[in-house]
Amino acid sequence: MSFSIKNVAEPSLLNESIPPSRYKSQIYSRISAKGASGYYLFNAISKVIAGALFTINGYLPVALSLIVLVIVTILSIGFIEPIKKKKKGNAILMYKVEMRNVKEGFTFVLKSERLKALILCASLIYALLSILQTYHVSLQEDIGLSSFVIGIIAAIGGLASSYASKKQARFHNKFRNQSLFTICMILSISTIIAGLFGIKAEQYIFLLLIVILSFFIYNFGMGMFHTIIDKYLRNFSNEKIDTKIFAAYNLFRSVFRMLAGLLASFLLDKMTTTYCMMIIGVLFTIIYILLGKYMKTRVGLNPEEYSNEERKYDELNQVKE
């Protein structure tokens, strides 16, 4: 529940903290990338520390997590609301107004061809990422790697995600409207490679290195995706609609993650991790190719190519030339 609230509030808080301008998208992307890079870096460090502390006492990482939560809670108290608070009035009337705004917001999201395509694409990428989060660890265990080595690999993977977040602007400038599709292909094809070479990875060190490299590619794609998608979703939005967009995205991606988890667990119950990864990789590659065709006429267009309804909440309309 707390992560659901955080995932909606966090990008909205950043979006509304930046004044409207024609450069807001670039500013948002730069700040978001810096934050994500720092997150993955601390994530990698914390994995190493947690692994070391766990060997001493299993309760130490939990106690340390509580201390960190207390610190960030104190820090969050100092946050300043980026938009002016409305005057208090009749509670029931305010509730009705808010519910009407939520309904209008979700209706707009579901009618927008651009947002529907983006949310569908992001949800399918997130579904594969959630599967791979389990499958890669399972594969490394099947190969015979120790928990300590798996922890070190995970930490290095965190650094790969951090690097990807820093380079998201260069990545986007190179692939432009094909950025999300490129991430899709990177993730799905690396999944097939990991499964294929994982069959004999326990016997040959070269194949083992390829499996580990595919895990780093997965982390690279994850870091790139989480930084880019928030930027895409917040385009053409303002404080009236951004929370609804991120709420809709989190709702749909949670549903897709649940369905993907059921499929992944079913396959894992029937066969080894390597074959599961190959099946999942091929399946998602086909889905992503079809998705790319669907998105071609809906995402990545020039602003003037979108209808007035699509740009209904565009902040640039409020900024004088």
Protein backbone atom coordinates (compact mmCIF):
# COMPACT_ATOMS: atom_id res chain seq x y z
CA MET A 1 0.00 0.00 0.00
CA SER A 2 2.77 2.42 0.92
CA PHE A 3 4.61 1.83 -2.35
CA SER A 4 1.39 2.37 -4.32
CA ILE A 5 0.93 5.77 -2.66
CA LYS A 6 4.61 6.61 -3.14
CA ASN A 7 4.56 5.68 -6.84
CA VAL A 8 1.66 8.06 -7.45
CA ALA A 9 2.83 10.93 -5.23
CA GLU A 10 6.54 10.91 -6.08
CA PRO A 11 6.48 11.82 -9.82
CA SER A 12 3.54 14.19 -9.26
CA LEU A 13 5.42 16.01 -6.50
CA LEU A 14 8.43 16.49 -8.77
CA ASN A 15 6.30 17.48 -11.75
CA GLU A 16 4.38 20.12 -9.82
CA SER A 17 7.56 21.49 -8.21
CA ILE A 18 8.89 22.62 -11.60
CA PRO A 19 7.35 25.85 -13.00
CA PRO A 20 5.62 25.56 -16.41
CA SER A 21 7.95 26.21 -19.35
CA ARG A 22 8.83 24.76 -22.72
CA TYR A 23 11.90 23.16 -21.10
CA LYS A 24 10.01 21.50 -18.27
CA SER A 25 10.25 18.03 -19.80
CA GLN A 26 14.06 18.25 -20.02
CA ILE A 27 14.31 19.65 -16.48
CA TYR A 28 12.05 16.92 -15.12
CA SER A 29 14.02 14.24 -16.96
CA ARG A 30 17.36 15.54 -15.67
CA ILE A 31 16.24 15.71 -12.03
CA SER A 32 14.46 12.35 -12.21
CA ALA A 33 17.53 10.71 -13.76
CA LYS A 34 19.79 12.12 -11.04
CA GLY A 35 17.45 10.85 -8.33
CA ALA A 36 17.09 7.41 -9.93
CA SER A 37 20.85 7.12 -10.37
CA GLY A 38 21.38 7.89 -6.70
CA TYR A 39 18.67 5.41 -5.73
CA TYR A 40 20.27 2.54 -7.66
CA LEU A 41 23.69 3.44 -6.27
CA PHE A 42 22.43 3.35 -2.67
CA ASN A 43 20.51 0.20 -3.53
CA ALA A 44 23.72 -1.53 -4.62
CA ILE A 45 25.58 -0.40 -1.48
CA SER A 46 22.72 -1.45 0.80
CA LYS A 47 22.66 -4.94 -0.74
CA VAL A 48 26.31 -5.47 0.12
CA ILE A 49 25.86 -4.09 3.66
CA ALA A 50 22.67 -6.08 4.25
CA GLY A 51 24.33 -9.27 3.03
CA ALA A 52 27.30 -8.76 5.36
CA LEU A 53 25.10 -7.90 8.36
CA PHE A 54 22.81 -10.86 7.71
CA THR A 55 25.73 -13.26 8.18
CA ILE A 56 26.27 -11.72 11.64
CA ASN A 57 22.65 -11.48 12.75
CA GLY A 58 19.50 -11.76 10.66
CA TYR A 59 17.78 -8.97 12.60
CA LEU A 60 20.47 -6.33 11.93
CA PRO A 61 19.32 -5.49 8.34
CA VAL A 62 15.72 -5.17 9.60
CA ALA A 63 16.78 -2.83 12.41
CA LEU A 64 18.85 -0.77 9.98
CA SER A 65 15.87 -0.54 7.62
CA LEU A 66 13.74 0.83 10.46
CA ILE A 67 16.38 3.47 11.25
CA VAL A 68 16.44 4.56 7.58
CA LEU A 69 12.63 4.77 7.50
CA VAL A 70 12.64 7.00 10.59
CA ILE A 71 15.21 9.31 8.96
CA VAL A 72 13.30 9.66 5.67
CA THR A 73 10.03 10.20 7.55
CA ILE A 74 11.60 13.13 9.40
CA LEU A 75 12.95 14.50 6.11
CA SER A 76 9.54 14.22 4.41
CA ILE A 77 7.95 16.39 7.12
CA GLY A 78 9.95 19.30 5.70
CA PHE A 79 8.47 18.96 2.20
CA ILE A 80 6.58 22.01 0.94
CA GLU A 81 3.35 21.55 -1.01
CA PRO A 82 4.13 22.70 -4.59
CA ILE A 83 0.57 23.94 -5.24
CA LYS A 84 -1.61 26.26 -3.20
CA LYS A 85 -4.00 24.58 -0.80
CA LYS A 86 -7.67 25.23 -1.34
CA LYS A 87 -9.68 26.85 1.41
CA LYS A 88 -11.53 24.45 3.63
CA GLY A 89 -15.26 24.23 3.05
CA ASN A 90 -18.05 21.76 3.41
CA ALA A 91 -16.40 18.34 3.76
CA ILE A 92 -19.14 16.46 1.92
CA LEU A 93 -19.16 18.97 -0.95
CA MET A 94 -15.36 18.85 -1.24
CA TYR A 95 -15.50 15.04 -1.29
CA LYS A 96 -18.05 15.08 -4.12
CA VAL A 97 -15.99 17.59 -6.10
CA GLU A 98 -12.84 15.53 -5.63
CA MET A 99 -14.59 12.31 -6.69
CA ARG A 100 -15.93 14.06 -9.79
CA ASN A 101 -12.42 15.27 -10.63
CA VAL A 102 -11.04 11.74 -10.20
CA LYS A 103 -13.76 10.35 -12.48
CA GLU A 104 -13.08 13.01 -15.13
CA GLY A 105 -9.35 12.35 -14.88
CA PHE A 106 -9.64 8.59 -15.34
CA THR A 107 -12.12 9.12 -18.19
CA PHE A 108 -9.58 11.36 -19.93
CA VAL A 109 -6.82 8.78 -19.45
CA LEU A 110 -8.95 5.95 -20.86
CA LYS A 111 -10.01 8.07 -23.86
CA SER A 112 -6.50 9.27 -24.71
CA GLU A 113 -4.97 7.04 -27.40
CA ARG A 114 -1.50 8.26 -26.46
CA LEU A 115 -1.86 7.50 -22.75
CA LYS A 116 -3.53 4.15 -23.36
CA ALA A 117 -0.64 3.09 -25.59
CA LEU A 118 1.97 4.34 -23.11
CA ILE A 119 0.32 2.69 -20.11
CA LEU A 120 -0.14 -0.60 -22.00
CA CYS A 121 3.51 -0.58 -23.09
CA ALA A 122 4.79 0.38 -19.64
CA SER A 123 2.62 -2.25 -17.95
CA LEU A 124 3.91 -5.00 -20.25
CA ILE A 125 7.53 -3.94 -19.68
CA TYR A 126 6.93 -3.84 -15.93
CA ALA A 127 5.35 -7.31 -16.11
CA LEU A 128 8.48 -8.75 -17.73
CA LEU A 129 10.74 -6.93 -15.25
CA SER A 130 8.80 -8.43 -12.33
CA ILE A 131 9.20 -11.93 -13.80
CA LEU A 132 12.91 -11.49 -14.44
CA GLN A 133 13.46 -10.21 -10.91
CA THR A 134 12.68 -13.75 -9.72
CA TYR A 135 13.87 -15.76 -12.72
CA HIS A 136 17.41 -14.36 -12.78
CA VAL A 137 17.99 -15.19 -9.11
CA SER A 138 16.44 -18.64 -9.62
CA LEU A 139 18.69 -19.25 -12.63
CA GLN A 140 21.80 -18.22 -10.72
CA GLU A 141 20.84 -20.58 -7.90
CA ASP A 142 20.25 -23.42 -10.38
CA ILE A 143 23.70 -22.83 -11.86
CA GLY A 144 25.16 -23.28 -8.38
CA LEU A 145 26.26 -19.76 -7.43
CA SER A 146 26.47 -19.05 -3.70
CA SER A 147 24.24 -16.47 -2.02
CA PHE A 148 27.29 -14.25 -1.46
CA VAL A 149 28.20 -14.29 -5.18
CA ILE A 150 24.56 -13.68 -6.13
CA GLY A 151 24.55 -10.68 -3.78
CA ILE A 152 27.70 -9.26 -5.37
CA ILE A 153 26.24 -9.74 -8.87
CA ALA A 154 23.03 -8.00 -7.73
CA ALA A 155 25.06 -5.07 -6.39
CA ILE A 156 26.92 -4.72 -9.71
CA GLY A 157 23.55 -4.91 -11.44
CA GLY A 158 22.43 -1.97 -9.31
CA LEU A 159 25.40 0.01 -10.61
CA ALA A 160 24.34 -0.87 -14.17
CA SER A 161 20.88 0.54 -13.42
CA SER A 162 22.46 3.67 -11.96
CA TYR A 163 24.58 4.14 -15.07
CA ALA A 164 21.53 3.65 -17.32
CA SER A 165 19.61 6.32 -15.41
CA LYS A 166 22.43 8.80 -15.92
CA LYS A 167 22.55 8.10 -19.66
CA GLN A 168 18.80 8.18 -20.29
CA ALA A 169 18.94 11.55 -22.08
CA ARG A 170 21.59 10.31 -24.52
CA PHE A 171 19.64 7.08 -25.01
CA HIS A 172 16.44 8.99 -25.75
CA ASN A 173 18.16 11.40 -28.12
CA LYS A 174 19.53 8.45 -30.09
CA PHE A 175 16.36 6.34 -30.35
CA ARG A 176 13.71 9.10 -29.97
CA ASN A 177 10.21 7.63 -30.40
CA GLN A 178 11.68 4.13 -30.59
CA SER A 179 13.15 4.34 -27.06
CA LEU A 180 10.50 2.21 -25.35
CA PHE A 181 10.46 -0.36 -28.16
CA THR A 182 14.26 -0.60 -27.99
CA ILE A 183 14.06 -1.24 -24.23
CA CYS A 184 11.43 -3.91 -24.91
CA MET A 185 13.72 -5.72 -27.36
CA ILE A 186 16.74 -5.43 -25.06
CA LEU A 187 14.82 -7.06 -22.20
CA SER A 188 13.06 -9.82 -24.15
CA ILE A 189 16.04 -10.89 -26.28
CA SER A 190 18.41 -10.89 -23.27
CA THR A 191 15.87 -13.15 -21.54
CA ILE A 192 16.03 -15.65 -24.41
CA ILE A 193 19.84 -15.53 -24.36
CA ALA A 194 19.96 -16.10 -20.58
CA GLY A 195 17.68 -19.12 -20.85
CA LEU A 196 19.46 -20.59 -23.87
CA PHE A 197 23.00 -20.31 -22.53
CA GLY A 198 21.89 -21.08 -18.97
CA ILE A 199 21.27 -24.72 -19.90
CA LYS A 200 25.00 -25.47 -19.98
CA ALA A 201 26.28 -22.50 -17.93
CA GLU A 202 27.15 -24.70 -14.96
CA GLN A 203 29.65 -26.62 -17.10
CA TYR A 204 31.28 -23.80 -19.10
CA ILE A 205 32.59 -20.56 -17.58
CA PHE A 206 32.10 -18.68 -20.88
CA LEU A 207 28.38 -19.47 -20.91
CA LEU A 208 28.15 -18.50 -17.24
CA LEU A 209 29.62 -15.08 -18.05
CA ILE A 210 27.01 -14.62 -20.81
CA VAL A 211 24.22 -15.43 -18.32
CA ILE A 212 25.63 -12.89 -15.85
CA LEU A 213 25.99 -10.33 -18.66
CA SER A 214 22.33 -10.84 -19.56
CA PHE A 215 21.48 -10.05 -15.94
CA PHE A 216 23.40 -6.77 -16.20
CA ILE A 217 21.55 -6.00 -19.45
CA TYR A 218 18.29 -6.59 -17.58
CA ASN A 219 19.38 -4.11 -14.91
CA PHE A 220 20.43 -1.61 -17.58
CA GLY A 221 17.01 -1.87 -19.23
CA MET A 222 15.24 -1.54 -15.89
CA GLY A 223 17.16 1.63 -14.95
CA MET A 224 16.53 3.14 -18.38
CA PHE A 225 12.82 2.26 -18.38
CA HIS A 226 11.92 3.63 -14.95
CA THR A 227 13.59 6.95 -15.74
CA ILE A 228 12.10 7.41 -19.21
CA ILE A 229 8.50 6.30 -18.59
CA ASP A 230 7.75 8.95 -15.94
CA LYS A 231 8.95 11.60 -18.36
CA TYR A 232 6.67 10.29 -21.12
CA LEU A 233 3.62 10.03 -18.85
CA ARG A 234 3.96 13.58 -17.51
CA ASN A 235 4.18 15.16 -20.97
CA PHE A 236 1.11 17.30 -21.80
CA SER A 237 0.01 17.24 -18.15
CA ASN A 238 -0.43 19.63 -15.22
CA GLU A 239 -1.32 19.38 -11.53
CA LYS A 240 -4.97 18.69 -12.38
CA ILE A 241 -4.30 15.46 -14.24
CA ASP A 242 -0.79 14.14 -13.39
CA THR A 243 -1.83 12.26 -10.22
CA LYS A 244 -4.67 10.57 -12.13
CA ILE A 245 -2.27 9.51 -14.89
CA PHE A 246 0.21 7.98 -12.46
CA ALA A 247 -2.60 6.38 -10.45
CA ALA A 248 -4.01 4.76 -13.61
CA TYR A 249 -0.54 3.57 -14.59
CA ASN A 250 0.09 2.00 -11.18
CA LEU A 251 -3.33 0.34 -11.25
CA PHE A 252 -2.81 -1.27 -14.64
CA ARG A 253 0.81 -2.26 -14.07
CA SER A 254 -0.15 -3.96 -10.81
CA VAL A 255 -2.81 -5.99 -12.63
CA PHE A 256 -0.34 -6.95 -15.37
CA ARG A 257 2.28 -7.84 -12.76
CA MET A 258 -0.19 -10.14 -11.00
CA LEU A 259 -1.12 -11.91 -14.26
CA ALA A 260 2.54 -12.21 -15.26
CA GLY A 261 3.37 -13.61 -11.83
CA LEU A 262 0.72 -16.30 -12.19
CA LEU A 263 2.07 -17.26 -15.62
CA ALA A 264 5.68 -17.26 -14.41
CA SER A 265 4.93 -19.41 -11.35
CA PHE A 266 2.87 -21.85 -13.47
CA LEU A 267 5.75 -22.33 -15.92
CA LEU A 268 8.31 -22.64 -13.13
CA ASP A 269 6.22 -25.43 -11.61
CA LYS A 270 6.35 -27.39 -14.89
CA MET A 271 9.95 -26.95 -16.07
CA THR A 272 13.41 -25.60 -15.20
CA THR A 273 14.19 -21.88 -15.06
CA THR A 274 16.17 -21.94 -18.31
CA TYR A 275 13.25 -23.21 -20.38
CA CYS A 276 10.89 -20.84 -18.58
CA MET A 277 13.08 -17.89 -19.56
CA MET A 278 13.19 -18.97 -23.19
CA ILE A 279 9.40 -19.31 -23.35
CA ILE A 280 8.82 -15.99 -21.58
CA GLY A 281 11.44 -14.29 -23.77
CA VAL A 282 9.89 -15.51 -27.03
CA LEU A 283 6.35 -14.73 -25.84
CA PHE A 284 7.19 -11.16 -24.82
CA THR A 285 9.24 -10.57 -27.98
CA ILE A 286 6.15 -11.37 -30.07
CA ILE A 287 3.95 -9.21 -27.82
CA TYR A 288 6.41 -6.29 -28.00
CA ILE A 289 6.61 -6.44 -31.80
CA LEU A 290 2.81 -6.25 -32.03
CA LEU A 291 2.82 -3.51 -29.41
CA GLY A 292 5.36 -1.52 -31.44
CA LYS A 293 3.00 -1.52 -34.42
CA TYR A 294 0.12 -0.40 -32.19
CA MET A 295 2.14 2.46 -30.70
CA LYS A 296 3.56 3.68 -34.00
CA THR A 297 0.63 6.00 -34.76
CA ARG A 298 -0.12 6.93 -31.14
CA VAL A 299 3.18 7.69 -29.35
CA GLY A 300 6.18 9.81 -30.28
CA LEU A 301 4.37 12.19 -32.61
CA ASN A 302 5.11 15.91 -32.84
CA PRO A 303 3.00 17.98 -30.40
CA GLU A 304 0.99 19.57 -33.21
CA GLU A 305 0.04 16.10 -34.51
CA TYR A 306 -1.98 15.36 -31.37
CA SER A 307 -5.59 16.49 -31.09
CA ASN A 308 -6.66 19.37 -28.86
CA GLU A 309 -8.33 16.84 -26.57
CA GLU A 310 -5.01 14.97 -26.12
CA ARG A 311 -3.33 18.27 -25.14
CA LYS A 312 -6.21 19.42 -22.97
CA TYR A 313 -4.01 19.70 -19.86
CA ASP A 314 -0.80 20.75 -21.62
CA GLU A 315 0.98 23.34 -19.47
CA LEU A 316 2.63 24.87 -22.52
CA ASN A 317 -0.76 26.21 -23.53
CA GLN A 318 -0.58 28.33 -20.39
CA VAL A 319 2.92 29.63 -21.11
CA LYS A 320 3.19 32.74 -23.24
CA GLU A 321 5.45 32.49 -26.25
